N, C-alpha and C. Protein backbone atom coordinates (compact mmCIF):
# COMPACT_ATOMS: atom_id res chain seq x y z
N UNK A 1 6.61 -27.19 3.80
CA UNK A 1 5.77 -26.75 5.02
C UNK A 1 4.20 -26.63 4.74
N UNK A 2 3.56 -26.97 6.26
CA UNK A 2 2.63 -26.99 5.99
C UNK A 2 2.17 -25.10 6.33
N UNK A 3 1.01 -24.52 5.63
CA UNK A 3 1.05 -23.43 5.84
C UNK A 3 -0.13 -23.10 7.31
N UNK A 4 0.65 -22.29 8.07
CA UNK A 4 0.62 -21.76 9.70
C UNK A 4 -0.38 -20.59 9.96
N UNK A 5 -1.21 -20.43 10.93
CA UNK A 5 -1.07 -18.73 11.58
C UNK A 5 0.29 -18.24 11.48
N UNK A 6 1.28 -18.84 12.11
CA UNK A 6 2.22 -18.11 12.47
C UNK A 6 2.87 -17.74 11.15
N UNK A 7 2.49 -18.12 9.72
CA UNK A 7 3.30 -17.60 8.54
C UNK A 7 2.40 -16.15 8.30
N UNK A 8 0.70 -16.29 8.75
CA UNK A 8 0.36 -14.98 7.86
C UNK A 8 0.43 -13.94 9.39
N UNK A 9 1.14 -14.12 10.53
CA UNK A 9 1.61 -13.14 11.27
C UNK A 9 2.91 -12.73 10.96
N UNK A 10 3.89 -13.70 10.75
CA UNK A 10 4.91 -12.91 10.02
C UNK A 10 4.64 -12.44 8.50
N UNK A 11 3.94 -12.54 7.86
CA UNK A 11 3.36 -11.95 6.50
C UNK A 11 3.23 -10.43 6.92
N UNK A 12 2.08 -10.33 7.86
CA UNK A 12 2.21 -9.16 8.36
C UNK A 12 2.70 -8.37 9.05
N UNK A 13 4.18 -8.93 9.61
CA UNK A 13 4.95 -8.18 10.06
C UNK A 13 6.27 -7.35 9.25
N UNK A 14 6.26 -8.63 7.40
CA UNK A 14 7.36 -8.44 6.67
C UNK A 14 6.22 -7.35 5.78
N UNK A 15 5.06 -7.12 5.56
CA UNK A 15 4.19 -6.11 4.78
C UNK A 15 4.76 -4.58 5.37
N UNK A 16 4.21 -4.85 6.73
CA UNK A 16 4.60 -3.66 7.11
C UNK A 16 6.19 -3.19 7.36
N UNK A 17 6.69 -3.68 7.51
CA UNK A 17 8.07 -3.30 7.44
C UNK A 17 8.84 -2.92 5.62
N UNK A 18 8.06 -3.97 4.97
CA UNK A 18 8.12 -3.21 3.40
C UNK A 18 7.62 -1.65 3.43
N UNK A 19 6.45 -1.90 3.82
CA UNK A 19 5.84 -0.12 3.77
C UNK A 19 6.56 1.02 4.63
N UNK A 20 6.83 0.32 5.74
CA UNK A 20 7.95 1.51 6.07
C UNK A 20 9.36 2.11 5.38
N UNK A 21 9.81 0.89 5.21
CA UNK A 21 10.78 1.12 4.22
C UNK A 21 10.88 1.94 2.80
N UNK A 22 9.37 1.88 2.64
CA UNK A 22 9.37 2.97 1.33
C UNK A 22 8.45 3.66 1.30
N UNK A 23 8.78 4.51 2.85
CA UNK A 23 8.11 6.00 3.51
C UNK A 23 6.44 5.79 3.18
N UNK A 24 5.64 4.85 3.30
CA UNK A 24 4.58 4.70 3.67
C UNK A 24 4.32 5.13 5.44
N UNK A 25 3.08 5.77 5.66
CA UNK A 25 2.00 6.29 6.79
C UNK A 25 1.70 5.24 7.00
N UNK A 26 2.03 4.19 8.09
CA UNK A 26 1.11 2.94 8.51
C UNK A 26 -0.21 3.17 9.75
N UNK A 27 0.11 4.35 9.89
CA UNK A 27 -0.66 4.86 11.27
C UNK A 27 -2.23 4.50 11.09
N UNK A 28 -2.46 4.95 9.43
CA UNK A 28 -4.03 4.53 8.93
C UNK A 28 -4.37 3.58 8.16
N UNK A 29 -3.02 2.46 8.46
CA UNK A 29 -3.78 1.15 7.85
C UNK A 29 -3.82 0.15 8.57
N UNK A 30 -4.50 -0.98 8.23
CA UNK A 30 -4.48 -1.74 8.99
C UNK A 30 -4.52 -3.14 7.85
N UNK A 31 -3.24 -4.29 8.30
CA UNK A 31 -3.08 -5.16 7.38
C UNK A 31 -3.96 -6.56 7.95
N UNK A 32 -3.96 -7.18 7.56
CA UNK A 32 -4.55 -8.74 7.58
C UNK A 32 -4.27 -9.51 6.47
N UNK A 33 -4.40 -11.22 7.40
CA UNK A 33 -3.65 -12.09 6.46
C UNK A 33 -4.51 -13.10 6.72
N UNK A 34 -4.69 -14.01 5.46
CA UNK A 34 -5.13 -15.31 5.80
C UNK A 34 -4.70 -16.22 4.65
N UNK A 35 -3.96 -17.00 5.17
CA UNK A 35 -3.48 -18.12 3.75
C UNK A 35 -2.62 -17.32 2.79
N UNK A 36 -2.07 -16.38 3.47
CA UNK A 36 -1.50 -15.65 1.86
C UNK A 36 -1.74 -14.89 0.99
N UNK A 37 -3.19 -14.34 1.73
CA UNK A 37 -3.70 -13.28 1.19
C UNK A 37 -3.86 -12.50 1.76
N UNK A 38 -3.67 -11.39 1.63
CA UNK A 38 -3.38 -9.69 2.16
C UNK A 38 -4.35 -9.15 1.86
N UNK A 39 -4.87 -8.53 2.95
CA UNK A 39 -5.95 -7.63 2.44
C UNK A 39 -5.14 -6.00 3.38
N UNK A 40 -4.87 -4.95 2.61
CA UNK A 40 -4.53 -3.64 3.50
C UNK A 40 -6.05 -2.78 3.31
N UNK A 41 -6.12 -2.16 4.36
CA UNK A 41 -7.13 -1.36 4.39
C UNK A 41 -7.08 -0.38 5.24
N UNK A 42 -7.66 1.08 4.36
CA UNK A 42 -7.40 2.29 5.26
C UNK A 42 -6.96 3.29 4.02
N UNK A 43 -6.60 4.51 4.81
CA UNK A 43 -5.73 5.44 3.99
C UNK A 43 -4.11 5.35 3.58
N UNK A 44 -3.80 5.17 2.52
CA UNK A 44 -2.48 5.10 2.46
C UNK A 44 -1.67 6.40 1.81
N UNK A 45 -1.10 6.66 2.66
CA UNK A 45 -0.52 8.02 2.61
C UNK A 45 1.10 8.08 2.47
N UNK A 46 1.89 8.44 1.59
CA UNK A 46 3.41 8.62 1.25
C UNK A 46 3.95 9.65 2.54
N UNK A 47 4.59 9.22 2.62
CA UNK A 47 5.83 10.38 3.83
C UNK A 47 6.13 11.15 2.23
N UNK A 48 6.42 12.35 1.98
CA UNK A 48 6.29 12.89 1.01
C UNK A 48 7.54 13.84 1.00
N UNK A 49 8.24 14.33 -0.31
CA UNK A 49 9.24 15.02 -0.28
C UNK A 49 8.86 16.06 -0.78
N UNK A 50 9.43 17.40 -0.66
CA UNK A 50 8.99 18.57 -1.94
C UNK A 50 9.26 18.25 -2.92
N UNK A 51 7.56 18.29 -3.69
CA UNK A 51 8.31 18.33 -5.48
C UNK A 51 7.42 17.53 -5.87
N UNK A 52 7.19 16.29 -4.75
CA UNK A 52 6.40 15.13 -5.67
C UNK A 52 5.16 15.55 -6.13
N UNK A 53 4.99 15.16 -7.47
CA UNK A 53 3.26 15.63 -8.11
C UNK A 53 2.57 14.19 -7.95
N UNK A 54 1.62 14.54 -8.36
CA UNK A 54 0.75 12.88 -8.65
C UNK A 54 1.14 11.52 -9.21
N UNK A 55 2.28 11.94 -10.19
CA UNK A 55 2.59 11.09 -11.38
C UNK A 55 3.61 10.47 -10.23
N UNK A 56 4.34 11.24 -9.67
CA UNK A 56 5.39 10.24 -8.81
C UNK A 56 4.65 9.55 -7.84
N UNK A 57 3.78 9.67 -7.30
CA UNK A 57 3.24 8.81 -5.90
C UNK A 57 2.37 7.66 -7.14
N UNK A 58 1.73 7.78 -8.21
CA UNK A 58 1.10 6.43 -8.64
C UNK A 58 1.95 5.54 -9.25
N UNK A 59 3.60 6.50 -9.09
CA UNK A 59 4.62 5.23 -9.77
C UNK A 59 5.08 4.34 -8.74
N UNK A 60 5.10 5.31 -7.25
CA UNK A 60 5.25 5.14 -6.24
C UNK A 60 4.63 3.47 -5.73
N UNK A 61 3.42 4.30 -5.89
CA UNK A 61 2.26 2.78 -5.13
C UNK A 61 2.61 1.82 -6.38
N UNK A 62 2.67 2.11 -7.75
CA UNK A 62 2.93 0.98 -8.76
C UNK A 62 4.12 -0.08 -8.38
N UNK A 63 5.42 0.42 -7.65
CA UNK A 63 6.42 0.05 -7.18
C UNK A 63 6.29 -0.97 -6.27
N UNK A 64 5.50 -0.37 -5.16
CA UNK A 64 4.85 -1.35 -3.86
C UNK A 64 4.55 -1.58 -4.17
N UNK A 65 3.35 -1.58 -4.96
CA UNK A 65 2.60 -3.14 -5.44
C UNK A 65 3.71 -4.26 -5.66
N UNK A 66 4.47 -3.90 -6.50
CA UNK A 66 4.98 -5.03 -6.88
C UNK A 66 5.94 -5.48 -5.75
N UNK A 67 6.59 -4.85 -5.13
CA UNK A 67 7.64 -5.33 -4.04
C UNK A 67 6.72 -5.98 -3.44
N UNK A 68 6.06 -5.67 -2.44
CA UNK A 68 4.95 -6.43 -1.69
C UNK A 68 4.70 -8.09 -2.57
N UNK A 69 4.00 -8.13 -3.69
CA UNK A 69 3.96 -9.65 -4.56
C UNK A 69 5.17 -10.49 -4.11
N UNK A 70 6.86 -9.65 -4.16
CA UNK A 70 7.88 -10.23 -3.82
C UNK A 70 7.98 -11.01 -2.63
N UNK A 71 7.07 -10.73 -1.49
CA UNK A 71 7.49 -10.88 -0.05
C UNK A 71 7.31 -12.48 -0.05
N UNK A 72 7.68 -13.53 0.72
CA UNK A 72 7.91 -14.63 0.51
C UNK A 72 6.11 -15.11 1.22
N UNK A 73 5.37 -15.98 0.42
CA UNK A 73 4.20 -16.40 1.19
C UNK A 73 2.98 -16.05 0.68
N UNK A 74 3.73 -14.77 -0.27
CA UNK A 74 2.01 -13.68 -0.46
C UNK A 74 1.78 -14.21 -1.62
N UNK A 75 0.38 -14.60 -1.81
CA UNK A 75 -0.40 -15.00 -2.84
C UNK A 75 -1.02 -13.81 -3.54
N UNK A 76 -1.53 -13.28 -2.92
CA UNK A 76 -2.31 -12.23 -3.55
C UNK A 76 -2.28 -11.09 -2.27
N UNK A 77 -2.56 -9.53 -2.82
CA UNK A 77 -2.85 -8.39 -1.91
C UNK A 77 -4.53 -7.41 -2.51
N UNK A 78 -5.22 -7.81 -1.19
CA UNK A 78 -6.69 -7.29 -1.41
C UNK A 78 -6.08 -5.42 -1.07
N UNK A 79 -6.41 -4.52 -1.78
CA UNK A 79 -6.35 -3.06 -1.54
C UNK A 79 -8.23 -2.66 -1.54
N UNK A 80 -8.12 -1.97 0.10
CA UNK A 80 -9.32 -1.54 0.46
C UNK A 80 -8.74 0.03 0.73
N UNK A 81 -8.46 0.50 -0.30
CA UNK A 81 -7.76 1.99 0.59
C UNK A 81 -8.99 3.07 -0.08
N UNK A 82 -9.16 3.86 1.21
CA UNK A 82 -10.17 5.13 1.04
C UNK A 82 -9.77 6.40 -0.01
N UNK A 83 -8.39 6.43 -0.02
CA UNK A 83 -7.77 7.51 -1.04
C UNK A 83 -7.14 6.83 -2.54
N UNK A 84 -6.82 6.01 -2.48
CA UNK A 84 -6.35 5.35 -3.66
C UNK A 84 -7.52 4.32 -4.12
N UNK A 85 -7.73 4.32 -5.54
CA UNK A 85 -8.17 3.07 -6.07
C UNK A 85 -7.83 2.25 -7.39
N UNK A 86 -7.79 1.55 -7.66
CA UNK A 86 -7.21 0.88 -9.02
C UNK A 86 -8.21 0.51 -9.82
N UNK A 87 -7.58 1.15 -11.18
CA UNK A 87 -8.39 1.32 -12.06
C UNK A 87 -7.77 0.11 -13.30
N UNK A 88 -8.22 -0.96 -13.94
CA UNK A 88 -7.19 -1.56 -14.71
C UNK A 88 -6.00 -2.06 -13.81
N UNK A 89 -4.68 -1.28 -14.76
CA UNK A 89 -3.73 -1.98 -14.03
C UNK A 89 -2.94 -0.37 -13.50
N UNK A 90 -3.67 0.85 -13.60
CA UNK A 90 -3.60 2.19 -13.14
C UNK A 90 -4.00 2.02 -11.66
N UNK A 91 -3.51 3.14 -11.30
CA UNK A 91 -3.76 3.69 -9.75
C UNK A 91 -3.74 4.92 -9.78
N UNK A 92 -5.40 5.68 -9.02
CA UNK A 92 -5.88 6.91 -9.46
C UNK A 92 -6.52 6.99 -7.80
N UNK A 93 -5.96 8.48 -7.40
CA UNK A 93 -6.06 8.98 -6.28
C UNK A 93 -8.03 8.89 -6.77
N UNK A 94 -8.67 9.05 -5.34
CA UNK A 94 -9.98 9.53 -5.55
C UNK A 94 -9.92 10.92 -5.21
N UNK A 95 -11.43 11.76 -5.83
CA UNK A 95 -11.38 12.99 -6.01
C UNK A 95 -11.02 13.73 -4.75
N UNK A 96 -11.45 13.47 -3.46
CA UNK A 96 -11.15 14.75 -2.31
C UNK A 96 -9.46 14.16 -2.26
N UNK A 97 -9.02 12.71 -2.14
CA UNK A 97 -7.25 13.10 -2.25
C UNK A 97 -6.86 14.10 -3.05
N UNK A 98 -7.20 13.74 -4.23
CA UNK A 98 -6.50 14.69 -5.82
C UNK A 98 -6.68 15.80 -5.23
N UNK A 99 -7.29 16.75 -4.62
CA UNK A 99 -7.82 17.68 -4.25
C UNK A 99 -6.71 17.99 -3.17
N UNK A 100 -6.73 17.33 -2.28
CA UNK A 100 -5.95 17.33 -1.31
C UNK A 100 -4.81 17.73 -1.87
N UNK A 101 -4.05 16.46 -2.49
CA UNK A 101 -2.68 17.02 -2.87
C UNK A 101 -2.45 18.11 -4.05
N UNK A 102 -3.07 18.65 -4.25
CA UNK A 102 -3.32 19.66 -5.13
C UNK A 102 -3.04 21.26 -3.80
N UNK A 103 -3.99 20.85 -3.27
CA UNK A 103 -3.97 21.98 -1.72
C UNK A 103 -2.91 21.81 -1.34
N UNK A 104 -1.98 21.15 -1.14
CA UNK A 104 -0.72 20.73 -0.53
C UNK A 104 0.64 21.27 -1.09
N UNK A 105 0.59 21.42 -2.44
CA UNK A 105 0.91 21.78 -3.51
C UNK A 105 1.36 23.48 -3.88
N UNK A 106 0.51 23.76 -3.30
CA UNK A 106 0.16 25.33 -3.78
C UNK A 106 0.85 26.56 -2.42
């Protein structure tokens, strides 16, 4: 099958659906796709349940990343997040976001 812009459009739709299924607030995210390369920009926030801590959020993010890579036609995901950063194969919150998380738990 020849790769078309329609596939990119469908990828955006499928990525957004997977994010919503995994309790991600997509209102502050933008998703762009070109030839199977997905770029996710903005602030990634999970709709949290009480008692969730930083380690559970980083685990959710790792799972989310692996699930998104299984979406058909996804070749690569570029993350440009304002509140999370990838260091090696670990996800870490930015200092500001970590403080915000700590404030919400107290």
